[in-house]
All heavy atoms as atom14 arrays in JSON, in Angstrom:
{
  "sequence": "DPRARGRGLGTAMLEWCEDRLREIAGGTPHDGPTEFRSWYDERET",
  "atom14_mask": [
    [1, 1, 1, 1, 1, 1, 1, 1, 0, 0, 0, 0, 0, 0],
    [1, 1, 1, 1, 1, 1, 1, 0, 0, 0, 0, 0, 0, 0],
    [1, 1, 1, 1, 1, 1, 1, 1, 1, 1, 1, 0, 0, 0],
    [1, 1, 1, 1, 1, 0, 0, 0, 0, 0, 0, 0, 0, 0],
    [1, 1, 1, 1, 1, 1, 1, 1, 1, 1, 1, 0, 0, 0],
    [1, 1, 1, 1, 0, 0, 0, 0, 0, 0, 0, 0, 0, 0],
    [1, 1, 1, 1, 1, 1, 1, 1, 1, 1, 1, 0, 0, 0],
    [1, 1, 1, 1, 0, 0, 0, 0, 0, 0, 0, 0, 0, 0],
    [1, 1, 1, 1, 1, 1, 1, 1, 0, 0, 0, 0, 0, 0],
    [1, 1, 1, 1, 0, 0, 0, 0, 0, 0, 0, 0, 0, 0],
    [1, 1, 1, 1, 1, 1, 1, 0, 0, 0, 0, 0, 0, 0],
    [1, 1, 1, 1, 1, 0, 0, 0, 0, 0, 0, 0, 0, 0],
    [1, 1, 1, 1, 1, 1, 1, 1, 0, 0, 0, 0, 0, 0],
    [1, 1, 1, 1, 1, 1, 1, 1, 0, 0, 0, 0, 0, 0],
    [1, 1, 1, 1, 1, 1, 1, 1, 1, 0, 0, 0, 0, 0],
    [1, 1, 1, 1, 1, 1, 1, 1, 1, 1, 1, 1, 1, 1],
    [1, 1, 1, 1, 1, 1, 0, 0, 0, 0, 0, 0, 0, 0],
    [1, 1, 1, 1, 1, 1, 1, 1, 1, 0, 0, 0, 0, 0],
    [1, 1, 1, 1, 1, 1, 1, 1, 0, 0, 0, 0, 0, 0],
    [1, 1, 1, 1, 1, 1, 1, 1, 1, 1, 1, 0, 0, 0],
    [1, 1, 1, 1, 1, 1, 1, 1, 0, 0, 0, 0, 0, 0],
    [1, 1, 1, 1, 1, 1, 1, 1, 1, 1, 1, 0, 0, 0],
    [1, 1, 1, 1, 1, 1, 1, 1, 1, 0, 0, 0, 0, 0],
    [1, 1, 1, 1, 1, 1, 1, 1, 0, 0, 0, 0, 0, 0],
    [1, 1, 1, 1, 1, 0, 0, 0, 0, 0, 0, 0, 0, 0],
    [1, 1, 1, 1, 0, 0, 0, 0, 0, 0, 0, 0, 0, 0],
    [1, 1, 1, 1, 0, 0, 0, 0, 0, 0, 0, 0, 0, 0],
    [1, 1, 1, 1, 1, 1, 1, 0, 0, 0, 0, 0, 0, 0],
    [1, 1, 1, 1, 1, 1, 1, 0, 0, 0, 0, 0, 0, 0],
    [1, 1, 1, 1, 1, 1, 1, 1, 1, 1, 0, 0, 0, 0],
    [1, 1, 1, 1, 1, 1, 1, 1, 0, 0, 0, 0, 0, 0],
    [1, 1, 1, 1, 0, 0, 0, 0, 0, 0, 0, 0, 0, 0],
    [1, 1, 1, 1, 1, 1, 1, 0, 0, 0, 0, 0, 0, 0],
    [1, 1, 1, 1, 1, 1, 1, 0, 0, 0, 0, 0, 0, 0],
    [1, 1, 1, 1, 1, 1, 1, 1, 1, 0, 0, 0, 0, 0],
    [1, 1, 1, 1, 1, 1, 1, 1, 1, 1, 1, 0, 0, 0],
    [1, 1, 1, 1, 1, 1, 1, 1, 1, 1, 1, 0, 0, 0],
    [1, 1, 1, 1, 1, 1, 0, 0, 0, 0, 0, 0, 0, 0],
    [1, 1, 1, 1, 1, 1, 1, 1, 1, 1, 1, 1, 1, 1],
    [1, 1, 1, 1, 1, 1, 1, 1, 1, 1, 1, 1, 0, 0],
    [1, 1, 1, 1, 1, 1, 1, 1, 0, 0, 0, 0, 0, 0],
    [1, 1, 1, 1, 1, 1, 1, 1, 1, 0, 0, 0, 0, 0],
    [1, 1, 1, 1, 1, 1, 1, 1, 1, 1, 1, 0, 0, 0],
    [1, 1, 1, 1, 1, 1, 1, 1, 1, 0, 0, 0, 0, 0],
    [1, 1, 1, 1, 1, 1, 1, 0, 0, 0, 0, 0, 0, 0]
  ],
  "atom14_positions": [
    [[-51.11, 26.26, -185.79], [-49.96, 25.82, -186.57], [-48.66, 26.25, -185.93], [-48.52, 27.44, -185.6], [-50.03, 26.29, -188.03], [-49.06, 25.75, -189.07], [-47.83, 25.81, -188.72], [-49.51, 25.13, -190.03], [0.0, 0.0, 0.0], [0.0, 0.0, 0.0], [0.0, 0.0, 0.0], [0.0, 0.0, 0.0], [0.0, 0.0, 0.0], [0.0, 0.0, 0.0]],
    [[-47.62, 25.42, -185.85], [-46.44, 25.91, -185.16], [-45.74, 27.15, -185.78], [-45.13, 27.9, -185.11], [-45.45, 24.61, -185.24], [-46.08, 23.81, -186.16], [-47.58, 24.03, -186.14], [0.0, 0.0, 0.0], [0.0, 0.0, 0.0], [0.0, 0.0, 0.0], [0.0, 0.0, 0.0], [0.0, 0.0, 0.0], [0.0, 0.0, 0.0], [0.0, 0.0, 0.0]],
    [[-45.89, 27.31, -187.16], [-45.27, 28.46, -187.75], [-45.93, 29.84, -187.32], [-45.44, 30.85, -187.67], [-45.32, 28.31, -189.2], [-46.7, 28.33, -189.94], [-46.59, 27.85, -191.42], [-47.87, 27.71, -191.99], [-48.61, 28.6, -192.58], [-48.08, 29.84, -192.61], [-49.68, 28.43, -193.07], [0.0, 0.0, 0.0], [0.0, 0.0, 0.0], [0.0, 0.0, 0.0]],
    [[-47.15, 29.7, -186.75], [-47.86, 30.96, -186.35], [-47.83, 31.05, -184.73], [-48.45, 32.04, -184.22], [-49.31, 30.88, -186.8], [0.0, 0.0, 0.0], [0.0, 0.0, 0.0], [0.0, 0.0, 0.0], [0.0, 0.0, 0.0], [0.0, 0.0, 0.0], [0.0, 0.0, 0.0], [0.0, 0.0, 0.0], [0.0, 0.0, 0.0], [0.0, 0.0, 0.0]],
    [[-47.11, 30.35, -184.01], [-47.07, 30.34, -182.6], [-46.14, 31.42, -182.19], [-45.25, 32.0, -182.87], [-46.67, 29.03, -182.06], [-47.63, 27.88, -182.32], [-47.17, 26.56, -181.62], [-48.2, 25.44, -181.9], [-47.99, 24.31, -181.54], [-46.84, 23.95, -181.0], [-48.88, 23.38, -181.85], [0.0, 0.0, 0.0], [0.0, 0.0, 0.0], [0.0, 0.0, 0.0]],
    [[-46.28, 31.9, -180.95], [-45.39, 32.82, -180.36], [-45.75, 34.2, -180.64], [-44.85, 35.16, -180.52], [0.0, 0.0, 0.0], [0.0, 0.0, 0.0], [0.0, 0.0, 0.0], [0.0, 0.0, 0.0], [0.0, 0.0, 0.0], [0.0, 0.0, 0.0], [0.0, 0.0, 0.0], [0.0, 0.0, 0.0], [0.0, 0.0, 0.0], [0.0, 0.0, 0.0]],
    [[-46.97, 34.54, -181.27], [-47.27, 35.71, -181.74], [-48.53, 36.29, -181.05], [-49.03, 37.39, -181.45], [-47.53, 35.83, -183.21], [-46.22, 35.36, -183.94], [-46.48, 35.0, -185.32], [-47.14, 36.05, -186.26], [-47.48, 35.92, -187.42], [-47.39, 34.75, -188.11], [-47.91, 37.09, -188.05], [0.0, 0.0, 0.0], [0.0, 0.0, 0.0], [0.0, 0.0, 0.0]],
    [[-49.1, 35.59, -180.02], [-50.26, 36.11, -179.33], [-51.55, 35.49, -179.91], [-52.65, 35.83, -179.33], [0.0, 0.0, 0.0], [0.0, 0.0, 0.0], [0.0, 0.0, 0.0], [0.0, 0.0, 0.0], [0.0, 0.0, 0.0], [0.0, 0.0, 0.0], [0.0, 0.0, 0.0], [0.0, 0.0, 0.0], [0.0, 0.0, 0.0], [0.0, 0.0, 0.0]],
    [[-51.54, 34.55, -180.87], [-52.78, 34.0, -181.41], [-53.56, 33.22, -180.41], [-54.71, 33.34, -180.21], [-52.59, 33.09, -182.62], [-52.42, 33.8, -184.02], [-51.26, 34.69, -184.09], [-52.29, 32.75, -185.11], [0.0, 0.0, 0.0], [0.0, 0.0, 0.0], [0.0, 0.0, 0.0], [0.0, 0.0, 0.0], [0.0, 0.0, 0.0], [0.0, 0.0, 0.0]],
    [[-52.92, 32.43, -179.6], [-53.56, 31.61, -178.55], [-54.23, 32.47, -177.61], [-55.31, 32.14, -177.25], [0.0, 0.0, 0.0], [0.0, 0.0, 0.0], [0.0, 0.0, 0.0], [0.0, 0.0, 0.0], [0.0, 0.0, 0.0], [0.0, 0.0, 0.0], [0.0, 0.0, 0.0], [0.0, 0.0, 0.0], [0.0, 0.0, 0.0], [0.0, 0.0, 0.0]],
    [[-53.69, 33.52, -177.2], [-54.29, 34.36, -176.2], [-55.54, 35.06, -176.84], [-56.75, 35.06, -176.25], [-53.47, 35.52, -175.73], [-52.27, 34.96, -174.9], [-54.02, 36.55, -174.83], [0.0, 0.0, 0.0], [0.0, 0.0, 0.0], [0.0, 0.0, 0.0], [0.0, 0.0, 0.0], [0.0, 0.0, 0.0], [0.0, 0.0, 0.0], [0.0, 0.0, 0.0]],
    [[-55.35, 35.5, -177.99], [-56.59, 36.14, -178.74], [-57.73, 35.19, -178.96], [-58.91, 35.41, -178.7], [-56.16, 36.8, -180.01], [0.0, 0.0, 0.0], [0.0, 0.0, 0.0], [0.0, 0.0, 0.0], [0.0, 0.0, 0.0], [0.0, 0.0, 0.0], [0.0, 0.0, 0.0], [0.0, 0.0, 0.0], [0.0, 0.0, 0.0], [0.0, 0.0, 0.0]],
    [[-57.36, 33.89, -179.32], [-58.38, 32.98, -179.53], [-59.05, 32.51, -178.3], [-60.24, 32.35, -178.3], [-57.74, 31.78, -180.39], [-57.32, 32.17, -181.82], [-56.2, 30.94, -182.57], [-57.27, 29.48, -182.55], [0.0, 0.0, 0.0], [0.0, 0.0, 0.0], [0.0, 0.0, 0.0], [0.0, 0.0, 0.0], [0.0, 0.0, 0.0], [0.0, 0.0, 0.0]],
    [[-58.3, 32.26, -177.24], [-58.77, 31.84, -175.93], [-59.77, 32.89, -175.36], [-60.94, 32.52, -174.95], [-57.69, 31.54, -174.87], [-58.16, 31.2, -173.4], [-59.05, 29.87, -173.46], [-56.8, 30.96, -172.66], [0.0, 0.0, 0.0], [0.0, 0.0, 0.0], [0.0, 0.0, 0.0], [0.0, 0.0, 0.0], [0.0, 0.0, 0.0], [0.0, 0.0, 0.0]],
    [[-59.38, 34.15, -175.42], [-60.27, 35.16, -174.85], [-61.46, 35.35, -175.67], [-62.58, 35.63, -175.16], [-59.41, 36.49, -174.82], [-58.3, 36.49, -173.72], [-57.46, 37.64, -173.69], [-57.62, 38.56, -174.58], [-56.58, 37.75, -172.84], [0.0, 0.0, 0.0], [0.0, 0.0, 0.0], [0.0, 0.0, 0.0], [0.0, 0.0, 0.0], [0.0, 0.0, 0.0]],
    [[-61.43, 35.17, -177.01], [-62.66, 35.18, -177.8], [-63.48, 34.06, -177.38], [-64.79, 34.2, -177.3], [-62.33, 35.17, -179.29], [-63.64, 35.15, -180.13], [-64.02, 36.34, -180.72], [-64.46, 34.1, -180.59], [-65.22, 35.95, -181.34], [-65.43, 34.67, -181.36], [-64.38, 32.71, -180.35], [-66.47, 33.91, -181.91], [-65.35, 31.94, -180.97], [-66.39, 32.5, -181.72]],
    [[-63.07, 32.84, -177.2], [-63.76, 31.72, -176.84], [-64.48, 31.94, -175.47], [-65.69, 31.66, -175.37], [-62.89, 30.46, -176.71], [-62.4, 29.71, -178.25], [0.0, 0.0, 0.0], [0.0, 0.0, 0.0], [0.0, 0.0, 0.0], [0.0, 0.0, 0.0], [0.0, 0.0, 0.0], [0.0, 0.0, 0.0], [0.0, 0.0, 0.0], [0.0, 0.0, 0.0]],
    [[-63.82, 32.47, -174.5], [-64.39, 32.7, -173.17], [-65.52, 33.87, -173.32], [-66.56, 33.66, -172.66], [-63.42, 33.17, -172.21], [-62.38, 32.21, -171.84], [-61.41, 32.5, -170.69], [-61.32, 33.71, -170.54], [-60.76, 31.62, -170.17], [0.0, 0.0, 0.0], [0.0, 0.0, 0.0], [0.0, 0.0, 0.0], [0.0, 0.0, 0.0], [0.0, 0.0, 0.0]],
    [[-65.32, 34.82, -174.23], [-66.31, 35.76, -174.44], [-67.61, 35.21, -175.04], [-68.72, 35.47, -174.64], [-65.85, 36.91, -175.28], [-64.89, 37.96, -174.5], [-64.89, 37.89, -173.23], [-64.21, 38.77, -175.18], [0.0, 0.0, 0.0], [0.0, 0.0, 0.0], [0.0, 0.0, 0.0], [0.0, 0.0, 0.0], [0.0, 0.0, 0.0], [0.0, 0.0, 0.0]],
    [[-67.34, 34.25, -176.02], [-68.51, 33.66, -176.75], [-69.23, 32.74, -175.74], [-70.46, 32.73, -175.73], [-67.96, 32.83, -177.87], [-69.05, 32.02, -178.71], [-70.13, 32.89, -179.2], [-71.17, 32.12, -179.83], [-72.35, 32.34, -179.78], [-72.87, 33.4, -179.11], [-73.3, 31.58, -180.37], [0.0, 0.0, 0.0], [0.0, 0.0, 0.0], [0.0, 0.0, 0.0]],
    [[-68.43, 32.03, -174.85], [-69.16, 31.18, -173.95], [-69.91, 31.99, -172.88], [-71.03, 31.51, -172.49], [-68.13, 30.28, -173.17], [-67.43, 29.24, -174.11], [-66.29, 28.6, -173.37], [-68.52, 28.09, -174.44], [0.0, 0.0, 0.0], [0.0, 0.0, 0.0], [0.0, 0.0, 0.0], [0.0, 0.0, 0.0], [0.0, 0.0, 0.0], [0.0, 0.0, 0.0]],
    [[-69.42, 33.12, -172.51], [-70.19, 33.95, -171.6], [-71.59, 34.44, -172.27], [-72.58, 34.42, -171.61], [-69.39, 35.18, -171.22], [-68.19, 34.95, -170.25], [-67.51, 36.27, -169.89], [-66.28, 35.93, -169.09], [-65.11, 36.0, -169.59], [-64.89, 36.3, -170.92], [-64.07, 35.83, -168.88], [0.0, 0.0, 0.0], [0.0, 0.0, 0.0], [0.0, 0.0, 0.0]],
    [[-71.45, 34.74, -173.59], [-72.66, 35.12, -174.27], [-73.7, 33.97, -174.29], [-74.85, 34.24, -174.21], [-72.24, 35.67, -175.68], [-73.36, 36.11, -176.53], [-72.8, 36.6, -177.87], [-72.33, 35.69, -178.64], [-72.86, 37.75, -178.13], [0.0, 0.0, 0.0], [0.0, 0.0, 0.0], [0.0, 0.0, 0.0], [0.0, 0.0, 0.0], [0.0, 0.0, 0.0]],
    [[-73.1, 32.8, -174.65], [-74.08, 31.58, -174.64], [-74.71, 31.4, -173.39], [-75.86, 31.08, -173.31], [-73.18, 30.34, -175.15], [-72.77, 30.52, -176.54], [-74.05, 29.09, -174.93], [-71.78, 29.45, -177.04], [0.0, 0.0, 0.0], [0.0, 0.0, 0.0], [0.0, 0.0, 0.0], [0.0, 0.0, 0.0], [0.0, 0.0, 0.0], [0.0, 0.0, 0.0]],
    [[-73.89, 31.41, -172.34], [-74.4, 31.16, -170.96], [-75.51, 32.17, -170.47], [-76.53, 31.85, -169.99], [-73.34, 31.15, -169.94], [0.0, 0.0, 0.0], [0.0, 0.0, 0.0], [0.0, 0.0, 0.0], [0.0, 0.0, 0.0], [0.0, 0.0, 0.0], [0.0, 0.0, 0.0], [0.0, 0.0, 0.0], [0.0, 0.0, 0.0], [0.0, 0.0, 0.0]],
    [[-75.37, 33.39, -170.96], [-76.28, 34.5, -170.71], [-77.57, 34.25, -171.47], [-78.63, 34.74, -170.91], [0.0, 0.0, 0.0], [0.0, 0.0, 0.0], [0.0, 0.0, 0.0], [0.0, 0.0, 0.0], [0.0, 0.0, 0.0], [0.0, 0.0, 0.0], [0.0, 0.0, 0.0], [0.0, 0.0, 0.0], [0.0, 0.0, 0.0], [0.0, 0.0, 0.0]],
    [[-77.61, 33.51, -172.5], [-78.78, 33.32, -173.22], [-79.25, 31.88, -173.11], [-80.22, 31.54, -173.76], [0.0, 0.0, 0.0], [0.0, 0.0, 0.0], [0.0, 0.0, 0.0], [0.0, 0.0, 0.0], [0.0, 0.0, 0.0], [0.0, 0.0, 0.0], [0.0, 0.0, 0.0], [0.0, 0.0, 0.0], [0.0, 0.0, 0.0], [0.0, 0.0, 0.0]],
    [[-78.8, 31.14, -172.13], [-79.18, 29.75, -171.9], [-79.5, 29.51, -170.43], [-78.57, 29.46, -169.55], [-78.05, 28.79, -172.31], [-77.61, 29.08, -173.59], [-78.58, 27.39, -172.24], [0.0, 0.0, 0.0], [0.0, 0.0, 0.0], [0.0, 0.0, 0.0], [0.0, 0.0, 0.0], [0.0, 0.0, 0.0], [0.0, 0.0, 0.0], [0.0, 0.0, 0.0]],
    [[-80.77, 29.54, -170.0], [-81.07, 29.38, -168.56], [-80.44, 28.05, -168.01], [-80.44, 27.0, -168.62], [-82.58, 29.28, -168.57], [-83.04, 29.94, -169.85], [-81.91, 29.69, -170.84], [0.0, 0.0, 0.0], [0.0, 0.0, 0.0], [0.0, 0.0, 0.0], [0.0, 0.0, 0.0], [0.0, 0.0, 0.0], [0.0, 0.0, 0.0], [0.0, 0.0, 0.0]],
    [[-79.98, 28.28, -166.77], [-79.45, 27.12, -166.02], [-79.57, 27.31, -164.51], [-79.11, 28.52, -164.13], [-77.93, 26.86, -166.5], [-77.43, 25.71, -165.8], [-77.78, 24.44, -165.93], [-76.37, 25.59, -164.9], [-77.01, 23.62, -165.14], [-76.18, 24.31, -164.58], [0.0, 0.0, 0.0], [0.0, 0.0, 0.0], [0.0, 0.0, 0.0], [0.0, 0.0, 0.0]],
    [[-79.89, 26.41, -163.76], [-80.18, 26.57, -162.35], [-79.01, 26.07, -161.47], [-79.23, 25.92, -160.26], [-81.52, 26.0, -161.88], [-81.6, 24.54, -162.15], [-80.59, 23.94, -162.62], [-82.62, 23.9, -161.85], [0.0, 0.0, 0.0], [0.0, 0.0, 0.0], [0.0, 0.0, 0.0], [0.0, 0.0, 0.0], [0.0, 0.0, 0.0], [0.0, 0.0, 0.0]],
    [[-77.93, 25.58, -162.09], [-76.76, 25.15, -161.34], [-75.46, 25.89, -161.54], [-75.44, 27.01, -162.17], [0.0, 0.0, 0.0], [0.0, 0.0, 0.0], [0.0, 0.0, 0.0], [0.0, 0.0, 0.0], [0.0, 0.0, 0.0], [0.0, 0.0, 0.0], [0.0, 0.0, 0.0], [0.0, 0.0, 0.0], [0.0, 0.0, 0.0], [0.0, 0.0, 0.0]],
    [[-74.45, 25.32, -161.04], [-73.03, 26.09, -161.22], [-72.64, 26.04, -162.66], [-73.14, 25.13, -163.46], [-72.21, 25.24, -160.26], [-72.81, 23.91, -160.22], [-74.21, 24.12, -160.24], [0.0, 0.0, 0.0], [0.0, 0.0, 0.0], [0.0, 0.0, 0.0], [0.0, 0.0, 0.0], [0.0, 0.0, 0.0], [0.0, 0.0, 0.0], [0.0, 0.0, 0.0]],
    [[-71.66, 26.86, -162.9], [-71.03, 26.88, -164.31], [-69.62, 27.14, -164.18], [-69.12, 27.88, -163.27], [-71.69, 28.16, -165.14], [-73.15, 27.82, -165.3], [-71.07, 28.2, -166.5], [0.0, 0.0, 0.0], [0.0, 0.0, 0.0], [0.0, 0.0, 0.0], [0.0, 0.0, 0.0], [0.0, 0.0, 0.0], [0.0, 0.0, 0.0], [0.0, 0.0, 0.0]],
    [[-68.8, 26.51, -165.09], [-67.32, 26.78, -165.07], [-66.78, 26.66, -166.51], [-67.36, 25.92, -167.3], [-66.59, 25.92, -164.11], [-66.68, 24.4, -164.4], [-65.95, 23.53, -163.33], [-65.56, 24.1, -162.27], [-65.81, 22.32, -163.6], [0.0, 0.0, 0.0], [0.0, 0.0, 0.0], [0.0, 0.0, 0.0], [0.0, 0.0, 0.0], [0.0, 0.0, 0.0]],
    [[-65.63, 27.31, -166.72], [-64.93, 27.07, -167.93], [-64.24, 25.69, -167.93], [-63.68, 25.32, -166.9], [-63.94, 28.15, -168.17], [-64.55, 29.46, -168.53], [-64.33, 30.62, -167.71], [-65.22, 29.76, -169.68], [-64.82, 31.87, -168.02], [-65.76, 30.87, -170.01], [-65.66, 32.03, -169.19], [0.0, 0.0, 0.0], [0.0, 0.0, 0.0], [0.0, 0.0, 0.0]],
    [[-64.04, 25.05, -169.1], [-63.31, 23.9, -169.14], [-62.43, 23.86, -170.55], [-62.8, 24.4, -171.44], [-64.27, 22.66, -169.29], [-65.16, 22.37, -168.09], [-64.39, 21.56, -167.02], [-65.34, 21.39, -165.96], [-66.13, 20.3, -165.76], [-66.13, 19.38, -166.95], [-66.96, 19.99, -164.84], [0.0, 0.0, 0.0], [0.0, 0.0, 0.0], [0.0, 0.0, 0.0]],
    [[-61.36, 23.11, -170.42], [-60.47, 22.81, -171.57], [-59.71, 21.65, -171.31], [-59.85, 21.0, -170.19], [-59.59, 24.03, -171.84], [-59.05, 23.9, -173.16], [0.0, 0.0, 0.0], [0.0, 0.0, 0.0], [0.0, 0.0, 0.0], [0.0, 0.0, 0.0], [0.0, 0.0, 0.0], [0.0, 0.0, 0.0], [0.0, 0.0, 0.0], [0.0, 0.0, 0.0]],
    [[-58.78, 21.35, -172.21], [-57.92, 20.06, -172.1], [-56.62, 20.33, -172.82], [-56.57, 21.18, -173.73], [-58.58, 18.89, -172.85], [-59.82, 18.32, -172.18], [-59.7, 17.14, -171.37], [-61.0, 18.67, -172.23], [-61.05, 16.95, -170.87], [-61.81, 17.88, -171.37], [-61.68, 19.71, -172.84], [-63.16, 18.07, -171.19], [-63.1, 19.98, -172.63], [-63.82, 19.15, -171.78]],
    [[-55.59, 19.69, -172.35], [-54.34, 19.59, -173.06], [-53.61, 18.31, -172.88], [-53.77, 17.56, -171.78], [-53.39, 20.84, -172.71], [-52.97, 20.78, -171.29], [-51.74, 20.1, -170.87], [-53.6, 21.51, -170.22], [-51.37, 20.08, -169.59], [-53.19, 21.45, -168.89], [-52.05, 20.78, -168.58], [-51.57, 20.67, -167.24], [0.0, 0.0, 0.0], [0.0, 0.0, 0.0]],
    [[-52.93, 17.92, -173.88], [-51.96, 16.74, -173.73], [-50.7, 17.08, -173.12], [-50.31, 18.29, -173.25], [-51.71, 16.22, -175.14], [-50.92, 14.87, -175.16], [-49.68, 15.05, -175.0], [-51.44, 13.83, -175.4], [0.0, 0.0, 0.0], [0.0, 0.0, 0.0], [0.0, 0.0, 0.0], [0.0, 0.0, 0.0], [0.0, 0.0, 0.0], [0.0, 0.0, 0.0]],
    [[-50.09, 16.19, -172.26], [-48.87, 16.56, -171.6], [-47.71, 17.08, -172.5], [-46.77, 17.82, -172.12], [-48.44, 15.39, -170.73], [-47.94, 14.24, -171.53], [-47.61, 13.09, -170.68], [-47.48, 13.23, -169.47], [-47.39, 11.9, -171.22], [0.0, 0.0, 0.0], [0.0, 0.0, 0.0], [0.0, 0.0, 0.0], [0.0, 0.0, 0.0], [0.0, 0.0, 0.0]],
    [[-47.83, 16.71, -173.76], [-46.81, 17.15, -174.79], [-47.14, 18.52, -175.28], [-46.33, 19.11, -176.04], [-46.67, 16.07, -175.86], [-46.17, 14.7, -175.32], [-46.53, 13.57, -176.17], [-47.92, 13.22, -176.15], [-48.46, 12.15, -176.73], [-47.72, 11.2, -177.28], [-49.76, 11.88, -176.62], [0.0, 0.0, 0.0], [0.0, 0.0, 0.0], [0.0, 0.0, 0.0]],
    [[-48.33, 19.02, -175.08], [-48.64, 20.4, -175.49], [-48.27, 21.37, -174.52], [-49.1, 22.01, -173.89], [-50.21, 20.41, -175.85], [-50.64, 19.52, -176.94], [-52.1, 19.45, -177.19], [-52.91, 19.19, -176.24], [-52.56, 19.84, -178.36], [0.0, 0.0, 0.0], [0.0, 0.0, 0.0], [0.0, 0.0, 0.0], [0.0, 0.0, 0.0], [0.0, 0.0, 0.0]],
    [[-47.03, 21.66, -174.42], [-46.49, 22.53, -173.37], [-46.9, 24.0, -173.49], [-47.06, 24.66, -172.55], [-44.93, 22.41, -173.25], [-44.35, 22.7, -174.55], [-44.48, 20.91, -172.86], [0.0, 0.0, 0.0], [0.0, 0.0, 0.0], [0.0, 0.0, 0.0], [0.0, 0.0, 0.0], [0.0, 0.0, 0.0], [0.0, 0.0, 0.0], [0.0, 0.0, 0.0]]
  ]
}
């Protein structure tokens, strides 16, 4: 929500997501490459 921006929420949430994805990857066998992904609209500066 824009009223909660600029306070570090985005960083905290993104870092939690990456930690959770690392945990999922560690428990899910895969024999190929792995990478993080996300998206943004050009207006989401």
